[in-house]
């Protein structure tokens, strides 16, 4: 994502945190990131660094889990493009740009 937004200022990402049950600390980490609204904490989580406990009682993570289930998303990462195309798994920056530029 960082490479894409460095190359293309007209592309934005909406990150929906969807912690998988197999990652035992992911749920609380997602809540912490949402409570603090912190991209730095998101980076720290991806770097497998410890995060503080959540500072609020948000329902957003539970809502994200329900939404992912409704959309049939069972893994992360997953990228949903503006046209509704869903690509599961990691996607290279060039492929993201190409998919967005399709008309």
PDB file of N, CA and C in Angstrom:
ATOM      1  N   UNK A   1       0.822  -1.190   0.000  1.00  0.00           N
ATOM      2  CA  UNK A   1       0.000   0.000   0.000  1.00  0.00           C
ATOM      3  C   UNK A   1       0.863   1.249   0.000  1.00  0.00           C
ATOM      4  N   UNK A   2       1.923   1.228   0.801  1.00  0.00           N
ATOM      5  CA  UNK A   2       2.773   2.413   0.872  1.00  0.00           C
ATOM      6  C   UNK A   2       3.401   2.723  -0.479  1.00  0.00           C
ATOM      7  N   UNK A   3       3.805   1.686  -1.209  1.00  0.00           N
ATOM      8  CA  UNK A   3       4.397   1.900  -2.527  1.00  0.00           C
ATOM      9  C   UNK A   3       3.368   2.503  -3.480  1.00  0.00           C
ATOM     10  N   UNK A   4       2.142   2.016  -3.407  1.00  0.00           N
ATOM     11  CA  UNK A   4       1.093   2.529  -4.294  1.00  0.00           C
ATOM     12  C   UNK A   4       0.843   4.007  -4.024  1.00  0.00           C
ATOM     13  N   UNK A   5       0.682   4.378  -2.776  1.00  0.00           N
ATOM     14  CA  UNK A   5       0.363   5.786  -2.496  1.00  0.00           C
ATOM     15  C   UNK A   5       1.562   6.708  -2.696  1.00  0.00           C
ATOM     16  N   UNK A   6       2.769   6.136  -2.685  1.00  0.00           N
ATOM     17  CA  UNK A   6       3.946   6.945  -3.028  1.00  0.00           C
ATOM     18  C   UNK A   6       3.949   7.245  -4.518  1.00  0.00           C
ATOM     19  N   UNK A   7       3.584   6.249  -5.314  1.00  0.00           N
ATOM     20  CA  UNK A   7       3.576   6.412  -6.769  1.00  0.00           C
ATOM     21  C   UNK A   7       2.332   7.130  -7.280  1.00  0.00           C
ATOM     22  N   UNK A   8       1.210   6.956  -6.603  1.00  0.00           N
ATOM     23  CA  UNK A   8      -0.063   7.488  -7.085  1.00  0.00           C
ATOM     24  C   UNK A   8      -0.802   8.197  -5.962  1.00  0.00           C
ATOM     25  N   UNK A   9      -0.757   9.499  -5.967  1.00  0.00           N
ATOM     26  CA  UNK A   9      -1.425  10.288  -4.927  1.00  0.00           C
ATOM     27  C   UNK A   9      -2.946  10.276  -5.084  1.00  0.00           C
ATOM     28  N   UNK A  10      -3.447   9.782  -6.229  1.00  0.00           N
ATOM     29  CA  UNK A  10      -4.885   9.746  -6.463  1.00  0.00           C
ATOM     30  C   UNK A  10      -5.528   8.454  -5.963  1.00  0.00           C
ATOM     31  N   UNK A  11      -4.735   7.569  -5.372  1.00  0.00           N
ATOM     32  CA  UNK A  11      -5.250   6.299  -4.859  1.00  0.00           C
ATOM     33  C   UNK A  11      -5.214   6.330  -3.337  1.00  0.00           C
ATOM     34  N   UNK A  12      -6.324   5.938  -2.741  1.00  0.00           N
ATOM     35  CA  UNK A  12      -6.415   5.878  -1.283  1.00  0.00           C
ATOM     36  C   UNK A  12      -6.856   4.477  -0.879  1.00  0.00           C
ATOM     37  N   UNK A  13      -6.482   4.085   0.311  1.00  0.00           N
ATOM     38  CA  UNK A  13      -6.882   2.786   0.863  1.00  0.00           C
ATOM     39  C   UNK A  13      -7.738   3.011   2.098  1.00  0.00           C
ATOM     40  N   UNK A  14      -8.767   2.216   2.214  1.00  0.00           N
ATOM     41  CA  UNK A  14      -9.556   2.154   3.439  1.00  0.00           C
ATOM     42  C   UNK A  14      -9.204   0.818   4.074  1.00  0.00           C
ATOM     43  N   UNK A  15      -8.605   0.890   5.226  1.00  0.00           N
ATOM     44  CA  UNK A  15      -8.152  -0.322   5.903  1.00  0.00           C
ATOM     45  C   UNK A  15      -9.230  -0.760   6.883  1.00  0.00           C
ATOM     46  N   UNK A  16      -9.722  -1.964   6.674  1.00  0.00           N
ATOM     47  CA  UNK A  16     -10.712  -2.548   7.567  1.00  0.00           C
ATOM     48  C   UNK A  16      -9.993  -3.659   8.336  1.00  0.00           C
ATOM     49  N   UNK A  17      -9.830  -3.463   9.614  1.00  0.00           N
ATOM     50  CA  UNK A  17      -9.110  -4.453  10.417  1.00  0.00           C
ATOM     51  C   UNK A  17      -9.997  -5.668  10.663  1.00  0.00           C
ATOM     52  N   UNK A  18      -9.507  -6.807  10.227  1.00  0.00           N
ATOM     53  CA  UNK A  18     -10.235  -8.072  10.327  1.00  0.00           C
ATOM     54  C   UNK A  18      -9.307  -9.108  10.962  1.00  0.00           C
ATOM     55  N   UNK A  19      -9.316  -9.187  12.298  1.00  0.00           N
ATOM     56  CA  UNK A  19      -8.422 -10.130  12.965  1.00  0.00           C
ATOM     57  C   UNK A  19      -8.924 -11.570  12.832  1.00  0.00           C
ATOM     58  N   UNK A  20      -8.045 -12.425  12.407  1.00  0.00           N
ATOM     59  CA  UNK A  20      -8.394 -13.847  12.270  1.00  0.00           C
ATOM     60  C   UNK A  20      -8.212 -14.549  13.606  1.00  0.00           C
ATOM     61  N   UNK A  21      -9.099 -15.493  13.925  1.00  0.00           N
ATOM     62  CA  UNK A  21      -9.024 -16.200  15.210  1.00  0.00           C
ATOM     63  C   UNK A  21      -7.697 -16.934  15.423  1.00  0.00           C
ATOM     64  N   UNK A  22      -7.043 -17.346  14.345  1.00  0.00           N
ATOM     65  CA  UNK A  22      -5.791 -18.083  14.470  1.00  0.00           C
ATOM     66  C   UNK A  22      -4.644 -17.221  15.009  1.00  0.00           C
ATOM     67  N   UNK A  23      -4.806 -15.903  14.969  1.00  0.00           N
ATOM     68  CA  UNK A  23      -3.807 -14.977  15.510  1.00  0.00           C
ATOM     69  C   UNK A  23      -4.326 -14.477  16.856  1.00  0.00           C
ATOM     70  N   UNK A  24      -3.905 -15.115  17.914  1.00  0.00           N
ATOM     71  CA  UNK A  24      -4.536 -14.914  19.223  1.00  0.00           C
ATOM     72  C   UNK A  24      -4.496 -13.479  19.747  1.00  0.00           C
ATOM     73  N   UNK A  25      -3.512 -12.682  19.381  1.00  0.00           N
ATOM     74  CA  UNK A  25      -3.436 -11.311  19.889  1.00  0.00           C
ATOM     75  C   UNK A  25      -4.031 -10.291  18.913  1.00  0.00           C
ATOM     76  N   UNK A  26      -4.446 -10.737  17.743  1.00  0.00           N
ATOM     77  CA  UNK A  26      -4.878  -9.819  16.687  1.00  0.00           C
ATOM     78  C   UNK A  26      -6.129  -9.019  17.063  1.00  0.00           C
ATOM     79  N   UNK A  27      -7.063  -9.631  17.753  1.00  0.00           N
ATOM     80  CA  UNK A  27      -8.308  -8.952  18.110  1.00  0.00           C
ATOM     81  C   UNK A  27      -8.020  -7.715  18.966  1.00  0.00           C
ATOM     82  N   UNK A  28      -7.252  -7.894  20.040  1.00  0.00           N
ATOM     83  CA  UNK A  28      -6.938  -6.755  20.912  1.00  0.00           C
ATOM     84  C   UNK A  28      -6.062  -5.732  20.198  1.00  0.00           C
ATOM     85  N   UNK A  29      -5.149  -6.202  19.350  1.00  0.00           N
ATOM     86  CA  UNK A  29      -4.317  -5.261  18.596  1.00  0.00           C
ATOM     87  C   UNK A  29      -5.185  -4.421  17.670  1.00  0.00           C
ATOM     88  N   UNK A  30      -6.147  -5.043  17.011  1.00  0.00           N
ATOM     89  CA  UNK A  30      -7.048  -4.303  16.129  1.00  0.00           C
ATOM     90  C   UNK A  30      -7.830  -3.253  16.918  1.00  0.00           C
ATOM     91  N   UNK A  31      -8.321  -3.632  18.088  1.00  0.00           N
ATOM     92  CA  UNK A  31      -9.054  -2.675  18.924  1.00  0.00           C
ATOM     93  C   UNK A  31      -8.157  -1.512  19.337  1.00  0.00           C
ATOM     94  N   UNK A  32      -6.916  -1.807  19.714  1.00  0.00           N
ATOM     95  CA  UNK A  32      -5.986  -0.748  20.106  1.00  0.00           C
ATOM     96  C   UNK A  32      -5.754   0.221  18.961  1.00  0.00           C
ATOM     97  N   UNK A  33      -5.507  -0.307  17.771  1.00  0.00           N
ATOM     98  CA  UNK A  33      -5.258   0.542  16.605  1.00  0.00           C
ATOM     99  C   UNK A  33      -6.475   1.423  16.322  1.00  0.00           C
ATOM    100  N   UNK A  34      -7.675   0.845  16.394  1.00  0.00           N
ATOM    101  CA  UNK A  34      -8.890   1.627  16.143  1.00  0.00           C
ATOM    102  C   UNK A  34      -9.139   2.653  17.234  1.00  0.00           C
ATOM    103  N   UNK A  35      -8.919   2.286  18.485  1.00  0.00           N
ATOM    104  CA  UNK A  35      -9.132   3.232  19.579  1.00  0.00           C
ATOM    105  C   UNK A  35      -8.212   4.444  19.456  1.00  0.00           C
ATOM    106  N   UNK A  36      -6.972   4.180  19.093  1.00  0.00           N
ATOM    107  CA  UNK A  36      -5.977   5.252  19.011  1.00  0.00           C
ATOM    108  C   UNK A  36      -5.950   5.925  17.640  1.00  0.00           C
ATOM    109  N   UNK A  37      -6.621   5.309  16.645  1.00  0.00           N
ATOM    110  CA  UNK A  37      -6.618   5.839  15.266  1.00  0.00           C
ATOM    111  C   UNK A  37      -5.190   6.118  14.814  1.00  0.00           C
ATOM    112  N   UNK A  38      -4.342   5.080  14.949  1.00  0.00           N
ATOM    113  CA  UNK A  38      -2.914   5.260  14.760  1.00  0.00           C
ATOM    114  C   UNK A  38      -2.337   4.372  13.667  1.00  0.00           C
ATOM    115  N   UNK A  39      -1.827   4.992  12.609  1.00  0.00           N
ATOM    116  CA  UNK A  39      -1.117   4.242  11.577  1.00  0.00           C
ATOM    117  C   UNK A  39       0.224   3.739  12.100  1.00  0.00           C
ATOM    118  N   UNK A  40       0.809   4.467  13.050  1.00  0.00           N
ATOM    119  CA  UNK A  40       2.067   4.001  13.653  1.00  0.00           C
ATOM    120  C   UNK A  40       1.844   2.678  14.388  1.00  0.00           C
ATOM    121  N   UNK A  41       0.732   2.557  15.096  1.00  0.00           N
ATOM    122  CA  UNK A  41       0.434   1.293  15.784  1.00  0.00           C
ATOM    123  C   UNK A  41       0.135   0.189  14.776  1.00  0.00           C
ATOM    124  N   UNK A  42      -0.488   0.527  13.658  1.00  0.00           N
ATOM    125  CA  UNK A  42      -0.727  -0.457  12.609  1.00  0.00           C
ATOM    126  C   UNK A  42       0.610  -0.987  12.087  1.00  0.00           C
ATOM    127  N   UNK A  43       1.542  -0.078  11.824  1.00  0.00           N
ATOM    128  CA  UNK A  43       2.875  -0.502  11.386  1.00  0.00           C
ATOM    129  C   UNK A  43       3.542  -1.384  12.434  1.00  0.00           C
ATOM    130  N   UNK A  44       3.434  -0.996  13.694  1.00  0.00           N
ATOM    131  CA  UNK A  44       4.036  -1.783  14.772  1.00  0.00           C
ATOM    132  C   UNK A  44       3.431  -3.184  14.831  1.00  0.00           C
ATOM    133  N   UNK A  45       2.132  -3.284  14.627  1.00  0.00           N
ATOM    134  CA  UNK A  45       1.469  -4.590  14.641  1.00  0.00           C
ATOM    135  C   UNK A  45       1.984  -5.460  13.499  1.00  0.00           C
ATOM    136  N   UNK A  46       2.139  -4.879  12.308  1.00  0.00           N
ATOM    137  CA  UNK A  46       2.667  -5.637  11.173  1.00  0.00           C
ATOM    138  C   UNK A  46       4.114  -6.066  11.408  1.00  0.00           C
ATOM    139  N   UNK A  47       4.834  -5.296  12.225  1.00  0.00           N
ATOM    140  CA  UNK A  47       6.220  -5.632  12.562  1.00  0.00           C
ATOM    141  C   UNK A  47       6.296  -6.589  13.754  1.00  0.00           C
ATOM    142  N   UNK A  48       5.119  -7.075  14.191  1.00  0.00           N
ATOM    143  CA  UNK A  48       5.005  -8.023  15.300  1.00  0.00           C
ATOM    144  C   UNK A  48       5.523  -7.456  16.632  1.00  0.00           C
ATOM    145  N   UNK A  49       5.414  -6.150  16.787  1.00  0.00           N
ATOM    146  CA  UNK A  49       5.790  -5.500  18.036  1.00  0.00           C
ATOM    147  C   UNK A  49       4.609  -5.550  19.000  1.00  0.00           C
ATOM    148  N   UNK A  50       4.885  -5.555  20.287  1.00  0.00           N
ATOM    149  CA  UNK A  50       3.773  -5.539  21.255  1.00  0.00           C
ATOM    150  C   UNK A  50       3.062  -4.190  21.228  1.00  0.00           C
ATOM    151  N   UNK A  51       1.753  -4.241  21.431  1.00  0.00           N
ATOM    152  CA  UNK A  51       0.952  -3.019  21.492  1.00  0.00           C
ATOM    153  C   UNK A  51       0.320  -2.912  22.868  1.00  0.00           C
ATOM    154  N   UNK A  52      -0.012  -1.685  23.283  1.00  0.00           N
ATOM    155  CA  UNK A  52      -0.721  -1.548  24.560  1.00  0.00           C
ATOM    156  C   UNK A  52      -2.126  -2.139  24.465  1.00  0.00           C
ATOM    157  N   UNK A  53      -2.736  -2.345  25.601  1.00  0.00           N
ATOM    158  CA  UNK A  53      -4.117  -2.824  25.640  1.00  0.00           C
ATOM    159  C   UNK A  53      -5.035  -1.753  25.057  1.00  0.00           C
ATOM    160  N   UNK A  54      -6.189  -2.143  24.526  1.00  0.00           N
ATOM    161  CA  UNK A  54      -7.132  -1.146  23.983  1.00  0.00           C
ATOM    162  C   UNK A  54      -7.555  -0.139  25.050  1.00  0.00           C
ATOM    163  N   UNK A  55      -7.667   1.131  24.646  1.00  0.00           N
ATOM    164  CA  UNK A  55      -8.035   2.184  25.588  1.00  0.00           C
ATOM    165  C   UNK A  55      -9.506   2.563  25.496  1.00  0.00           C
ATOM    166  N   UNK A  56     -10.269   1.833  24.676  1.00  0.00           N
ATOM    167  CA  UNK A  56     -11.693   2.105  24.543  1.00  0.00           C
ATOM    168  C   UNK A  56     -12.417   0.778  24.328  1.00  0.00           C
ATOM    169  N   UNK A  57     -13.724   0.840  24.332  1.00  0.00           N
ATOM    170  CA  UNK A  57     -14.526  -0.369  24.130  1.00  0.00           C
ATOM    171  C   UNK A  57     -15.295  -0.236  22.822  1.00  0.00           C
ATOM    172  N   UNK A  58     -14.569  -0.319  21.714  1.00  0.00           N
ATOM    173  CA  UNK A  58     -15.179  -0.166  20.400  1.00  0.00           C
ATOM    174  C   UNK A  58     -15.821  -1.476  19.928  1.00  0.00           C
ATOM    175  N   UNK A  59     -16.901  -1.344  19.209  1.00  0.00           N
ATOM    176  CA  UNK A  59     -17.575  -2.493  18.592  1.00  0.00           C
ATOM    177  C   UNK A  59     -17.142  -2.661  17.133  1.00  0.00           C
ATOM    178  N   UNK A  60     -16.287  -1.754  16.652  1.00  0.00           N
ATOM    179  CA  UNK A  60     -15.904  -1.739  15.240  1.00  0.00           C
ATOM    180  C   UNK A  60     -15.262  -3.050  14.795  1.00  0.00           C
ATOM    181  N   UNK A  61     -14.442  -3.651  15.623  1.00  0.00           N
ATOM    182  CA  UNK A  61     -13.780  -4.901  15.230  1.00  0.00           C
ATOM    183  C   UNK A  61     -14.815  -6.002  15.029  1.00  0.00           C
ATOM    184  N   UNK A  62     -15.779  -6.095  15.928  1.00  0.00           N
ATOM    185  CA  UNK A  62     -16.835  -7.101  15.785  1.00  0.00           C
ATOM    186  C   UNK A  62     -17.664  -6.846  14.522  1.00  0.00           C
ATOM    187  N   UNK A  63     -17.920  -5.570  14.228  1.00  0.00           N
ATOM    188  CA  UNK A  63     -18.665  -5.231  13.008  1.00  0.00           C
ATOM    189  C   UNK A  63     -17.861  -5.594  11.759  1.00  0.00           C
ATOM    190  N   UNK A  64     -16.536  -5.386  11.816  1.00  0.00           N
ATOM    191  CA  UNK A  64     -15.683  -5.763  10.689  1.00  0.00           C
ATOM    192  C   UNK A  64     -15.698  -7.270  10.454  1.00  0.00           C
ATOM    193  N   UNK A  65     -15.681  -8.030  11.518  1.00  0.00           N
ATOM    194  CA  UNK A  65     -15.720  -9.491  11.406  1.00  0.00           C
ATOM    195  C   UNK A  65     -17.028  -9.927  10.753  1.00  0.00           C
ATOM    196  N   UNK A  66     -18.141  -9.348  11.195  1.00  0.00           N
ATOM    197  CA  UNK A  66     -19.437  -9.679  10.599  1.00  0.00           C
ATOM    198  C   UNK A  66     -19.486  -9.304   9.119  1.00  0.00           C
ATOM    199  N   UNK A  67     -18.943  -8.139   8.775  1.00  0.00           N
ATOM    200  CA  UNK A  67     -18.929  -7.705   7.385  1.00  0.00           C
ATOM    201  C   UNK A  67     -18.091  -8.661   6.526  1.00  0.00           C
ATOM    202  N   UNK A  68     -16.936  -9.038   7.009  1.00  0.00           N
ATOM    203  CA  UNK A  68     -16.083  -9.967   6.255  1.00  0.00           C
ATOM    204  C   UNK A  68     -16.789 -11.295   6.033  1.00  0.00           C
ATOM    205  N   UNK A  69     -17.449 -11.784   7.056  1.00  0.00           N
ATOM    206  CA  UNK A  69     -18.197 -13.040   6.914  1.00  0.00           C
ATOM    207  C   UNK A  69     -19.313 -12.889   5.883  1.00  0.00           C
ATOM    208  N   UNK A  70     -20.010 -11.766   5.919  1.00  0.00           N
ATOM    209  CA  UNK A  70     -21.102 -11.511   4.975  1.00  0.00           C
ATOM    210  C   UNK A  70     -20.584 -11.449   3.538  1.00  0.00           C
ATOM    211  N   UNK A  71     -19.388 -10.897   3.354  1.00  0.00           N
ATOM    212  CA  UNK A  71     -18.800 -10.761   2.026  1.00  0.00           C
ATOM    213  C   UNK A  71     -18.053 -12.019   1.579  1.00  0.00           C
ATOM    214  N   UNK A  72     -17.978 -13.003   2.462  1.00  0.00           N
ATOM    215  CA  UNK A  72     -17.292 -14.243   2.117  1.00  0.00           C
ATOM    216  C   UNK A  72     -15.778 -14.145   2.188  1.00  0.00           C
ATOM    217  N   UNK A  73     -15.278 -13.181   2.930  1.00  0.00           N
ATOM    218  CA  UNK A  73     -13.835 -13.033   3.096  1.00  0.00           C
ATOM    219  C   UNK A  73     -13.414 -13.884   4.293  1.00  0.00           C
ATOM    220  N   UNK A  74     -12.493 -14.793   4.054  1.00  0.00           N
ATOM    221  CA  UNK A  74     -12.092 -15.697   5.138  1.00  0.00           C
ATOM    222  C   UNK A  74     -10.612 -15.582   5.481  1.00  0.00           C
ATOM    223  N   UNK A  75      -9.901 -14.716   4.800  1.00  0.00           N
ATOM    224  CA  UNK A  75      -8.472 -14.561   5.060  1.00  0.00           C
ATOM    225  C   UNK A  75      -8.028 -13.136   4.850  1.00  0.00           C
ATOM    226  N   UNK A  76      -6.823 -12.876   5.305  1.00  0.00           N
ATOM    227  CA  UNK A  76      -6.233 -11.560   5.125  1.00  0.00           C
ATOM    228  C   UNK A  76      -4.832 -11.735   4.576  1.00  0.00           C
ATOM    229  N   UNK A  77      -4.353 -10.773   3.827  1.00  0.00           N
ATOM    230  CA  UNK A  77      -5.073  -9.595   3.371  1.00  0.00           C
ATOM    231  C   UNK A  77      -6.060  -9.935   2.260  1.00  0.00           C
ATOM    232  N   UNK A  78      -6.922  -9.018   2.000  1.00  0.00           N
ATOM    233  CA  UNK A  78      -7.861  -9.096   0.880  1.00  0.00           C
ATOM    234  C   UNK A  78      -8.063  -7.668   0.391  1.00  0.00           C
ATOM    235  N   UNK A  79      -8.069  -7.500  -0.915  1.00  0.00           N
ATOM    236  CA  UNK A  79      -8.221  -6.167  -1.488  1.00  0.00           C
ATOM    237  C   UNK A  79      -9.517  -6.134  -2.288  1.00  0.00           C
ATOM    238  N   UNK A  80     -10.360  -5.157  -1.965  1.00  0.00           N
ATOM    239  CA  UNK A  80     -11.596  -4.942  -2.723  1.00  0.00           C
ATOM    240  C   UNK A  80     -11.432  -3.628  -3.475  1.00  0.00           C
ATOM    241  N   UNK A  81     -11.580  -3.703  -4.779  1.00  0.00           N
ATOM    242  CA  UNK A  81     -11.394  -2.533  -5.637  1.00  0.00           C
ATOM    243  C   UNK A  81     -12.703  -1.779  -5.810  1.00  0.00           C
ATOM    244  N   UNK A  82     -12.635  -0.527  -6.280  1.00  0.00           N
ATOM    245  CA  UNK A  82     -13.847   0.281  -6.444  1.00  0.00           C
ATOM    246  C   UNK A  82     -14.931  -0.379  -7.297  1.00  0.00           C
ATOM    247  N   UNK A  83     -14.533  -1.244  -8.244  1.00  0.00           N
ATOM    248  CA  UNK A  83     -15.537  -1.900  -9.080  1.00  0.00           C
ATOM    249  C   UNK A  83     -16.119  -3.157  -8.433  1.00  0.00           C
ATOM    250  N   UNK A  84     -15.700  -3.441  -7.185  1.00  0.00           N
ATOM    251  CA  UNK A  84     -16.204  -4.600  -6.462  1.00  0.00           C
ATOM    252  C   UNK A  84     -15.358  -5.852  -6.600  1.00  0.00           C
ATOM    253  N   UNK A  85     -14.341  -5.827  -7.448  1.00  0.00           N
ATOM    254  CA  UNK A  85     -13.452  -6.973  -7.606  1.00  0.00           C
ATOM    255  C   UNK A  85     -12.740  -7.256  -6.291  1.00  0.00           C
ATOM    256  N   UNK A  86     -12.752  -8.507  -5.876  1.00  0.00           N
ATOM    257  CA  UNK A  86     -12.082  -8.938  -4.657  1.00  0.00           C
ATOM    258  C   UNK A  86     -10.899  -9.813  -5.042  1.00  0.00           C
ATOM    259  N   UNK A  87      -9.726  -9.442  -4.558  1.00  0.00           N
ATOM    260  CA  UNK A  87      -8.535 -10.265  -4.760  1.00  0.00           C
ATOM    261  C   UNK A  87      -8.019 -10.659  -3.377  1.00  0.00           C
ATOM    262  N   UNK A  88      -8.097 -11.957  -3.049  1.00  0.00           N
ATOM    263  CA  UNK A  88      -7.582 -12.411  -1.765  1.00  0.00           C
ATOM    264  C   UNK A  88      -6.058 -12.518  -1.797  1.00  0.00           C
ATOM    265  N   UNK A  89      -5.444 -12.314  -0.648  1.00  0.00           N
ATOM    266  CA  UNK A  89      -3.996 -12.444  -0.542  1.00  0.00           C
ATOM    267  C   UNK A  89      -3.283 -11.142  -0.836  1.00  0.00           C
ATOM    268  N   UNK A  90      -1.977 -11.192  -0.679  1.00  0.00           N
ATOM    269  CA  UNK A  90      -1.160 -10.010  -0.937  1.00  0.00           C
ATOM    270  C   UNK A  90      -1.161  -9.697  -2.428  1.00  0.00           C
ATOM    271  N   UNK A  91      -1.199  -8.420  -2.742  1.00  0.00           N
ATOM    272  CA  UNK A  91      -1.226  -7.972  -4.133  1.00  0.00           C
ATOM    273  C   UNK A  91      -0.082  -6.979  -4.318  1.00  0.00           C
ATOM    274  N   UNK A  92       0.721  -7.203  -5.353  1.00  0.00           N
ATOM    275  CA  UNK A  92       1.834  -6.298  -5.647  1.00  0.00           C
ATOM    276  C   UNK A  92       1.305  -4.920  -6.041  1.00  0.00           C
ATOM    277  N   UNK A  93       2.104  -3.893  -5.755  1.00  0.00           N
ATOM    278  CA  UNK A  93       1.710  -2.516  -6.043  1.00  0.00           C
ATOM    279  C   UNK A  93       1.341  -2.323  -7.510  1.00  0.00           C
ATOM    280  N   UNK A  94       2.161  -2.855  -8.426  1.00  0.00           N
ATOM    281  CA  UNK A  94       1.879  -2.690  -9.853  1.00  0.00           C
ATOM    282  C   UNK A  94       0.536  -3.310 -10.238  1.00  0.00           C
ATOM    283  N   UNK A  95       0.208  -4.446  -9.650  1.00  0.00           N
ATOM    284  CA  UNK A  95      -1.066  -5.106  -9.954  1.00  0.00           C
ATOM    285  C   UNK A  95      -2.243  -4.294  -9.424  1.00  0.00           C
ATOM    286  N   UNK A  96      -2.065  -3.668  -8.286  1.00  0.00           N
ATOM    287  CA  UNK A  96      -3.121  -2.808  -7.734  1.00  0.00           C
ATOM    288  C   UNK A  96      -3.370  -1.631  -8.678  1.00  0.00           C
ATOM    289  N   UNK A  97      -2.295  -0.994  -9.105  1.00  0.00           N
ATOM    290  CA  UNK A  97      -2.427   0.155 -10.006  1.00  0.00           C
ATOM    291  C   UNK A  97      -3.069  -0.268 -11.332  1.00  0.00           C
ATOM    292  N   UNK A  98      -2.643  -1.386 -11.873  1.00  0.00           N
ATOM    293  CA  UNK A  98      -3.229  -1.871 -13.131  1.00  0.00           C
ATOM    294  C   UNK A  98      -4.721  -2.149 -12.978  1.00  0.00           C
ATOM    295  N   UNK A  99      -5.113  -2.768 -11.868  1.00  0.00           N
ATOM    296  CA  UNK A  99      -6.527  -3.081 -11.645  1.00  0.00           C
ATOM    297  C   UNK A  99      -7.348  -1.800 -11.538  1.00  0.00           C
ATOM    298  N   UNK A 100      -6.816  -0.798 -10.876  1.00  0.00           N
ATOM    299  CA  UNK A 100      -7.531   0.475 -10.727  1.00  0.00           C
ATOM    300  C   UNK A 100      -7.629   1.206 -12.057  1.00  0.00           C
ATOM    301  N   UNK A 101      -6.598   1.109 -12.854  1.00  0.00           N
ATOM    302  CA  UNK A 101      -6.592   1.806 -14.141  1.00  0.00           C
ATOM    303  C   UNK A 101      -7.415   1.119 -15.225  1.00  0.00           C
ATOM    304  N   UNK A 102      -7.881  -0.106 -14.978  1.00  0.00           N
ATOM    305  CA  UNK A 102      -8.746  -0.782 -15.959  1.00  0.00           C
ATOM    306  C   UNK A 102     -10.004   0.029 -16.146  1.00  0.00           C
ATOM    307  N   UNK A 103     -10.436   0.134 -17.384  1.00  0.00           N
ATOM    308  CA  UNK A 103     -11.677   0.875 -17.629  1.00  0.00           C
ATOM    309  C   UNK A 103     -12.531   0.134 -18.582  1.00  0.00           C
TER     310      UNK A 103
END
